[in-house]
């Protein structure tokens, strides 16, 4: 089974933000063509490509539709094939580091010193820990060949 092509859209080039999203989606489809994917994933990709190709929405609705289709595809390939984009784990662990590590560390420092103004000290500590863990995970996944040569920007 083959992955379908996106139709060329003339009105996309008029809006630079929409054009960037459209090109990003096209690059994702091109990158996935180079991978050995199962038929279930290819069906999901083709359904989303058909949805985009048949869409006659305005710019804002079309941009939302592109983002949703891209998210569905990325979640599916991550779940079934463990394929992720560049910096995927770094971005996930960035938020986890700040929220799950940094804030509790800041609270502990605040309680120990008796001054809760030091709660903010834990946030950069958690940020650094989260970024380092995420970067290490990204490097491991790249060595395994499970990283797509694509950076997703929303």
Foldseek 3Di string as FASTA:
>chain_A
DAADAADDDPVQVVDVVSVVLVVQLRVVNVLVRPDDDDPVLSVLRNVLSVVLNPDPDDSVVSSVSSVVSVVVSQVVCCVPVVAHEALPQLVVLQVCLQPVFQQVVQVVVCVVVVHSVSSNVSRVVSNVVSNVVSVVVNVVCVVVVRYGHHDDDD
